[in-house]
Amino acid sequence: MSVGATRPPTLGAALRRWGLRASWVAVLLLLPLAPVAAGLPPTVRYAPFLASVVLFGFPHGAVDHLVPGRLGDVSLVRSLAVVGAVYAVLGGLYTAWWFLAPVSAFVFFILLTWAHWGQGDLYALLAFAEVEHLPSRGERALSAVVRGGLPMLVPLVSHPGEYRRVATALVGLFGPAESVLTLVFTETARLAVGVGFGTVTVLALGLGLWRVRGGAARHGWAVDAGEVTLLWVYFLAVPPVLGIGLYFCLWHATRHLARLALIDDDGARPALAAGDLRTALWRLARDATPMTVGGLAVVGALFVLVPRAATGFEGLLALYLVGIAVLTLPHVAVVTWMDLRQEVW
């Protein structure tokens, strides 16, 4: 289904409710806890990532094997074969990269996540919020840069210590990491990132406002500007592990699951249109379960293979994030194909 396809009013309302507003509520509920978040026990701060194994986060990419069949009208066998090959080749090569050059593999993970979370929010703006102020590829690309950069760059500016600990823990699974990315965490670098990314944010929203003055719908731009402002405040205030963990589960993953529901013509889509969220979620959970188990097997294999044992909360989180990284690269390939197929670009 094209990103601009006409939908029944009930389905459009459901997508706005569960694809957009639910994530606003999740972020707004956490913001008042920001002043005490850093002092919360590790079990609480790391809980969102633990929950992401089954709660939206990890499973949101576990329906990739069905996407070509639902968007490309190919057989299930061919869909499984093609996506399986993509995961085997790209995931295998990226795994080898981590073992051979973990610092550059980590940098690539940040850039990859930046691009992927940006493309996810871009689709949601076009398909769920139905914005009109992003008509060109250049404006859409700029919007994706801002959206993906919010969870990747703003925490670097506001909470460099925790950001660096996580980076060091990931690289440290494969070798010494005491001096990892030292230049990135200097005050000068953080100031440059903050000023530069802030300027890009203002530019993107300013171009959107210019489109509104030229006739584009103001409501869509207001949703975009409101979300960007909310996420700036959120990632400035909330420590990265807790903030990104919740964002992963309750913002990025839920929006992609809503996108997947739209292409499930025999189950989740009609259920959403009828207001039956439970059936839609059950259908998505059923589809995602086999590959979620397979993805956890990848994490288990990494636990055995990494040169240094993953211990404690930070070590286990680092191992889980490396597993997510390995699976994210082929997932991005599938989602990029979806973007092209659905005319996002």
Protein backbone atom coordinates (compact mmCIF):
# COMPACT_ATOMS: atom_id res chain seq x y z
CA MET A 1 0.00 0.00 0.00
CA SER A 2 1.39 3.39 -1.02
CA VAL A 3 2.20 5.86 1.73
CA GLY A 4 -0.38 8.24 0.31
CA ALA A 5 -3.16 5.69 -0.21
CA THR A 6 -6.69 6.63 0.85
CA ARG A 7 -7.91 4.76 3.94
CA PRO A 8 -11.27 4.35 5.62
CA PRO A 9 -11.83 7.02 8.32
CA THR A 10 -11.91 4.40 11.09
CA LEU A 11 -8.54 3.03 10.04
CA GLY A 12 -7.03 6.51 9.82
CA ALA A 13 -8.29 7.29 13.31
CA ALA A 14 -6.82 4.05 14.68
CA LEU A 15 -3.43 4.80 13.10
CA ARG A 16 -3.35 8.27 14.62
CA ARG A 17 -4.38 6.89 18.01
CA TRP A 18 -2.03 3.92 18.22
CA GLY A 19 0.66 4.93 15.74
CA LEU A 20 1.14 8.48 17.00
CA ARG A 21 -0.67 9.50 20.18
CA ALA A 22 0.17 6.42 22.21
CA SER A 23 3.88 7.24 21.87
CA TRP A 24 3.25 10.84 22.94
CA VAL A 25 1.59 9.62 26.12
CA ALA A 26 4.48 7.25 26.90
CA VAL A 27 7.05 10.04 26.60
CA LEU A 28 4.97 12.57 28.52
CA LEU A 29 4.43 10.16 31.40
CA LEU A 30 8.17 9.65 31.82
CA LEU A 31 9.22 13.31 31.64
CA PRO A 32 8.15 14.18 35.23
CA LEU A 33 10.43 11.38 36.47
CA ALA A 34 13.49 12.78 34.68
CA PRO A 35 14.95 14.59 37.73
CA VAL A 36 15.17 11.32 39.68
CA ALA A 37 15.83 8.97 36.75
CA ALA A 38 19.60 8.94 37.21
CA GLY A 39 19.19 7.75 40.79
CA LEU A 40 16.90 4.86 39.99
CA PRO A 41 18.31 1.37 40.65
CA PRO A 42 19.85 -0.44 37.65
CA THR A 43 16.97 -2.92 37.54
CA VAL A 44 14.60 -0.03 36.75
CA ARG A 45 16.87 1.86 34.34
CA TYR A 46 17.62 -1.26 32.31
CA ALA A 47 14.06 -2.62 32.48
CA PRO A 48 12.89 -1.14 29.13
CA PHE A 49 15.60 -3.01 27.23
CA LEU A 50 14.73 -6.22 29.06
CA ALA A 51 11.06 -5.65 28.22
CA SER A 52 11.95 -4.95 24.59
CA VAL A 53 12.74 -8.64 24.11
CA VAL A 54 9.00 -9.32 24.02
CA LEU A 55 7.35 -5.88 24.21
CA PHE A 56 7.40 -4.42 20.69
CA GLY A 57 11.15 -3.67 20.51
CA PHE A 58 12.81 -6.90 19.41
CA PRO A 59 9.69 -8.34 17.72
CA HIS A 60 9.07 -5.28 15.53
CA GLY A 61 11.76 -6.49 13.13
CA ALA A 62 10.74 -10.13 13.34
CA VAL A 63 8.02 -9.89 10.69
CA ASP A 64 10.49 -9.00 7.92
CA HIS A 65 10.22 -12.48 6.41
CA LEU A 66 6.57 -11.82 5.51
CA VAL A 67 7.03 -8.34 4.04
CA PRO A 68 7.94 -9.27 0.43
CA GLY A 69 4.94 -11.57 0.24
CA ARG A 70 2.56 -8.90 1.50
CA LEU A 71 3.97 -5.99 -0.48
CA GLY A 72 5.42 -7.76 -3.51
CA ASP A 73 2.85 -10.49 -4.13
CA VAL A 74 5.39 -13.33 -4.01
CA SER A 75 5.02 -16.75 -2.43
CA LEU A 76 5.77 -17.35 1.23
CA VAL A 77 8.63 -19.68 0.31
CA ARG A 78 10.27 -17.07 -1.89
CA SER A 79 9.69 -14.36 0.71
CA LEU A 80 11.37 -16.48 3.37
CA ALA A 81 14.26 -17.35 1.07
CA VAL A 82 14.99 -13.78 0.01
CA VAL A 83 14.80 -12.26 3.47
CA GLY A 84 16.70 -15.19 4.96
CA ALA A 85 19.51 -14.61 2.46
CA VAL A 86 19.58 -10.88 3.25
CA TYR A 87 19.84 -11.60 6.97
CA ALA A 88 22.49 -14.29 6.52
CA VAL A 89 24.74 -12.20 4.28
CA LEU A 90 24.41 -8.73 5.84
CA GLY A 91 24.12 -10.00 9.41
CA GLY A 92 27.09 -12.33 8.94
CA LEU A 93 29.31 -9.63 7.46
CA TYR A 94 28.39 -7.15 10.19
CA THR A 95 29.08 -9.73 12.90
CA ALA A 96 32.55 -10.27 11.45
CA TRP A 97 33.06 -6.48 11.43
CA TRP A 98 32.42 -6.32 15.19
CA PHE A 99 35.08 -8.95 15.83
CA LEU A 100 37.65 -7.35 13.50
CA ALA A 101 37.14 -3.61 14.12
CA PRO A 102 34.70 -2.97 16.98
CA VAL A 103 35.21 0.81 17.21
CA SER A 104 34.23 1.45 13.59
CA ALA A 105 31.46 -1.16 13.91
CA PHE A 106 30.04 0.82 16.85
CA VAL A 107 30.22 4.10 14.91
CA PHE A 108 28.42 2.41 12.03
CA PHE A 109 25.75 1.16 14.46
CA ILE A 110 25.07 4.73 15.59
CA LEU A 111 24.84 5.95 11.98
CA LEU A 112 22.69 2.99 10.98
CA THR A 113 20.28 3.51 13.87
CA TRP A 114 20.19 7.23 13.09
CA ALA A 115 19.15 6.47 9.51
CA HIS A 116 16.67 3.76 10.48
CA TRP A 117 14.88 5.63 13.25
CA GLY A 118 14.71 8.63 10.94
CA GLN A 119 13.10 6.61 8.16
CA GLY A 120 10.63 5.14 10.64
CA ASP A 121 9.44 8.52 11.85
CA LEU A 122 9.34 9.88 8.31
CA TYR A 123 6.93 7.13 7.27
CA ALA A 124 4.75 7.81 10.32
CA LEU A 125 4.57 11.52 9.47
CA LEU A 126 3.52 10.79 5.90
CA ALA A 127 1.18 7.86 6.49
CA PHE A 128 -0.31 8.48 9.95
CA ALA A 129 -0.11 12.26 10.41
CA GLU A 130 -0.67 12.79 6.65
CA VAL A 131 1.63 15.82 6.57
CA GLU A 132 1.76 17.99 3.47
CA HIS A 133 4.88 20.05 4.22
CA LEU A 134 7.38 17.39 3.07
CA PRO A 135 6.67 17.12 -0.67
CA SER A 136 10.25 16.73 -1.98
CA ARG A 137 12.89 14.08 -1.42
CA GLY A 138 15.27 16.67 -0.03
CA GLU A 139 12.79 17.87 2.60
CA ARG A 140 11.94 14.29 3.54
CA ALA A 141 15.63 13.44 3.86
CA LEU A 142 16.19 16.48 6.09
CA SER A 143 13.24 15.47 8.26
CA ALA A 144 14.66 11.94 8.58
CA VAL A 145 18.06 13.36 9.59
CA VAL A 146 16.42 15.35 12.39
CA ARG A 147 14.16 12.54 13.58
CA GLY A 148 16.92 9.92 13.66
CA GLY A 149 19.39 12.33 15.20
CA LEU A 150 17.20 13.12 18.20
CA PRO A 151 17.79 9.80 20.04
CA MET A 152 21.35 9.43 18.72
CA LEU A 153 22.81 12.92 19.21
CA VAL A 154 20.86 14.74 21.92
CA PRO A 155 21.80 12.21 24.67
CA LEU A 156 25.45 12.70 23.68
CA VAL A 157 25.07 16.40 24.44
CA SER A 158 23.08 16.02 27.66
CA HIS A 159 24.43 12.80 29.22
CA PRO A 160 27.93 12.14 27.84
CA GLY A 161 29.05 10.02 30.78
CA GLU A 162 26.38 7.36 30.42
CA TYR A 163 26.60 7.48 26.63
CA ARG A 164 30.34 6.84 26.82
CA ARG A 165 29.94 3.98 29.32
CA VAL A 166 27.57 2.19 26.96
CA ALA A 167 29.88 2.77 23.98
CA THR A 168 32.85 1.49 25.96
CA ALA A 169 30.90 -1.56 27.11
CA LEU A 170 29.98 -2.52 23.54
CA VAL A 171 33.50 -2.14 22.19
CA GLY A 172 34.92 -3.71 25.36
CA LEU A 173 33.28 -7.05 24.56
CA PHE A 174 35.81 -7.42 21.74
CA GLY A 175 38.96 -5.82 23.16
CA PRO A 176 40.41 -2.87 25.11
CA ALA A 177 38.15 0.17 25.00
CA GLU A 178 39.64 2.66 27.45
CA SER A 179 40.26 5.34 24.80
CA VAL A 180 37.27 4.61 22.60
CA LEU A 181 35.94 7.65 20.76
CA THR A 182 37.70 10.05 23.14
CA LEU A 183 37.39 13.03 20.82
CA VAL A 184 33.62 12.60 20.48
CA PHE A 185 33.06 13.15 24.20
CA THR A 186 35.05 16.36 24.62
CA GLU A 187 33.17 19.53 25.55
CA THR A 188 34.14 21.10 22.23
CA ALA A 189 32.74 18.20 20.23
CA ARG A 190 29.54 18.10 22.27
CA LEU A 191 29.06 21.86 21.84
CA ALA A 192 29.56 21.50 18.09
CA VAL A 193 27.04 18.66 17.95
CA GLY A 194 24.49 20.59 20.00
CA VAL A 195 24.78 23.81 17.99
CA GLY A 196 24.99 22.03 14.65
CA PHE A 197 22.11 19.68 15.23
CA GLY A 198 20.01 22.45 16.78
CA THR A 199 20.58 24.54 13.66
CA VAL A 200 19.55 21.65 11.40
CA THR A 201 16.41 21.14 13.50
CA VAL A 202 15.39 24.80 13.18
CA LEU A 203 16.12 24.71 9.45
CA ALA A 204 13.93 21.64 8.92
CA LEU A 205 11.01 23.06 10.87
CA GLY A 206 11.46 26.46 9.24
CA LEU A 207 11.24 24.94 5.76
CA GLY A 208 8.10 23.14 6.84
CA LEU A 209 6.55 26.38 8.08
CA TRP A 210 7.43 28.02 4.75
CA ARG A 211 5.49 25.21 3.03
CA VAL A 212 2.54 25.87 5.34
CA ARG A 213 2.54 29.52 4.34
CA GLY A 214 2.49 28.30 0.75
CA GLY A 215 -0.67 26.27 1.32
CA ALA A 216 0.35 23.02 3.06
CA ALA A 217 -1.83 21.89 5.97
CA ARG A 218 -0.83 23.54 9.24
CA HIS A 219 -2.01 20.63 11.41
CA GLY A 220 0.55 18.20 9.98
CA TRP A 221 3.38 20.67 10.52
CA ALA A 222 2.17 21.29 14.08
CA VAL A 223 2.33 17.53 14.79
CA ASP A 224 5.85 17.40 13.36
CA ALA A 225 7.06 20.46 15.27
CA GLY A 226 5.39 19.27 18.47
CA GLU A 227 7.00 15.84 18.28
CA VAL A 228 10.44 17.28 17.54
CA THR A 229 10.17 19.68 20.47
CA LEU A 230 8.92 16.94 22.77
CA LEU A 231 11.78 14.62 21.84
CA TRP A 232 14.39 17.35 22.25
CA VAL A 233 13.15 17.95 25.80
CA TYR A 234 12.83 14.22 26.49
CA PHE A 235 16.37 13.28 25.42
CA LEU A 236 17.88 16.30 27.13
CA ALA A 237 16.19 15.37 30.40
CA VAL A 238 16.11 11.56 30.56
CA PRO A 239 19.33 9.49 30.90
CA PRO A 240 20.11 7.53 27.71
CA VAL A 241 19.66 3.93 28.85
CA LEU A 242 16.20 4.55 30.27
CA GLY A 243 15.20 7.13 27.67
CA ILE A 244 16.33 5.26 24.56
CA GLY A 245 15.04 1.95 25.90
CA LEU A 246 11.54 3.35 26.29
CA TYR A 247 11.75 5.20 22.98
CA PHE A 248 12.76 1.97 21.24
CA CYS A 249 9.78 0.04 22.63
CA LEU A 250 7.04 2.65 22.78
CA TRP A 251 7.88 5.05 19.97
CA HIS A 252 9.91 3.52 17.16
CA ALA A 253 8.73 -0.08 17.41
CA THR A 254 5.04 0.71 17.85
CA ARG A 255 5.07 2.91 14.75
CA HIS A 256 6.69 0.21 12.67
CA LEU A 257 4.20 -2.37 13.97
CA ALA A 258 1.37 -0.07 12.89
CA ARG A 259 3.00 0.07 9.47
CA LEU A 260 3.14 -3.73 9.34
CA ALA A 261 -0.52 -3.93 10.33
CA LEU A 262 -1.40 -1.86 7.26
CA ILE A 263 0.00 -4.48 4.89
CA ASP A 264 -1.63 -7.44 6.66
CA ASP A 265 -4.82 -7.40 4.60
CA ASP A 266 -6.13 -10.67 6.02
CA GLY A 267 -5.75 -9.92 9.73
CA ALA A 268 -4.30 -6.89 11.48
CA ARG A 269 -5.48 -4.24 9.01
CA PRO A 270 -9.21 -5.07 9.10
CA ALA A 271 -8.96 -5.56 12.87
CA LEU A 272 -7.54 -2.07 13.31
CA ALA A 273 -10.18 -0.63 10.99
CA ALA A 274 -12.84 -2.24 13.20
CA GLY A 275 -11.27 -0.84 16.36
CA ASP A 276 -10.11 -4.28 17.50
CA LEU A 277 -6.59 -3.55 18.74
CA ARG A 278 -6.33 -6.84 20.64
CA THR A 279 -6.76 -8.94 17.50
CA ALA A 280 -4.33 -6.76 15.56
CA LEU A 281 -1.67 -7.14 18.26
CA TRP A 282 -2.29 -10.88 18.55
CA ARG A 283 -1.82 -11.26 14.80
CA LEU A 284 1.43 -9.29 14.88
CA ALA A 285 2.67 -11.26 17.90
CA ARG A 286 1.89 -14.55 16.18
CA ASP A 287 3.76 -13.49 13.05
CA ALA A 288 6.78 -12.20 15.00
CA THR A 289 7.26 -15.04 17.49
CA PRO A 290 9.30 -17.52 15.36
CA MET A 291 11.85 -14.94 14.21
CA THR A 292 12.00 -13.32 17.65
CA VAL A 293 13.15 -16.67 18.99
CA GLY A 294 15.66 -16.87 16.13
CA GLY A 295 16.96 -13.40 16.96
CA LEU A 296 17.43 -14.36 20.60
CA ALA A 297 19.42 -17.35 19.40
CA VAL A 298 21.75 -14.88 17.66
CA VAL A 299 22.23 -13.03 20.95
CA GLY A 300 22.88 -16.37 22.67
CA ALA A 301 25.52 -17.25 20.08
CA LEU A 302 27.23 -13.90 20.62
CA PHE A 303 27.26 -14.56 24.38
CA VAL A 304 29.35 -17.66 23.69
CA LEU A 305 31.56 -16.18 20.97
CA VAL A 306 32.55 -12.70 22.18
CA PRO A 307 36.16 -12.60 23.44
CA ARG A 308 35.25 -11.00 26.77
CA ALA A 309 32.47 -12.21 29.03
CA ALA A 310 29.38 -10.04 29.35
CA THR A 311 28.77 -9.50 33.05
CA GLY A 312 26.59 -7.14 35.06
CA PHE A 313 23.80 -4.97 33.73
CA GLU A 314 26.03 -2.93 31.42
CA GLY A 315 27.79 -5.98 30.00
CA LEU A 316 24.55 -7.81 29.25
CA LEU A 317 23.01 -4.67 27.76
CA ALA A 318 26.10 -4.27 25.57
CA LEU A 319 25.79 -7.85 24.35
CA TYR A 320 22.09 -7.36 23.60
CA LEU A 321 22.83 -4.15 21.70
CA VAL A 322 25.47 -5.88 19.58
CA GLY A 323 22.86 -8.54 18.77
CA ILE A 324 20.37 -5.81 17.85
CA ALA A 325 23.04 -4.15 15.71
CA VAL A 326 23.73 -7.35 13.78
CA LEU A 327 20.01 -7.78 13.11
CA THR A 328 19.36 -4.10 12.40
CA LEU A 329 21.44 -3.96 9.22
CA PRO A 330 19.35 -6.53 7.29
CA HIS A 331 16.20 -5.09 8.88
CA VAL A 332 17.10 -1.68 7.47
CA ALA A 333 17.56 -3.27 4.05
CA VAL A 334 14.01 -4.67 4.24
CA VAL A 335 12.53 -1.38 5.49
CA THR A 336 14.37 0.57 2.78
CA TRP A 337 12.79 -1.74 0.20
CA MET A 338 9.42 -1.04 1.84
CA ASP A 339 10.08 2.70 1.56
CA LEU A 340 10.77 2.39 -2.15
CA ARG A 341 7.82 0.09 -2.73
CA GLN A 342 5.45 2.40 -0.84
CA GLU A 343 6.78 5.53 -2.55
CA VAL A 344 8.13 7.23 0.56
CA TRP A 345 10.83 8.63 -1.71
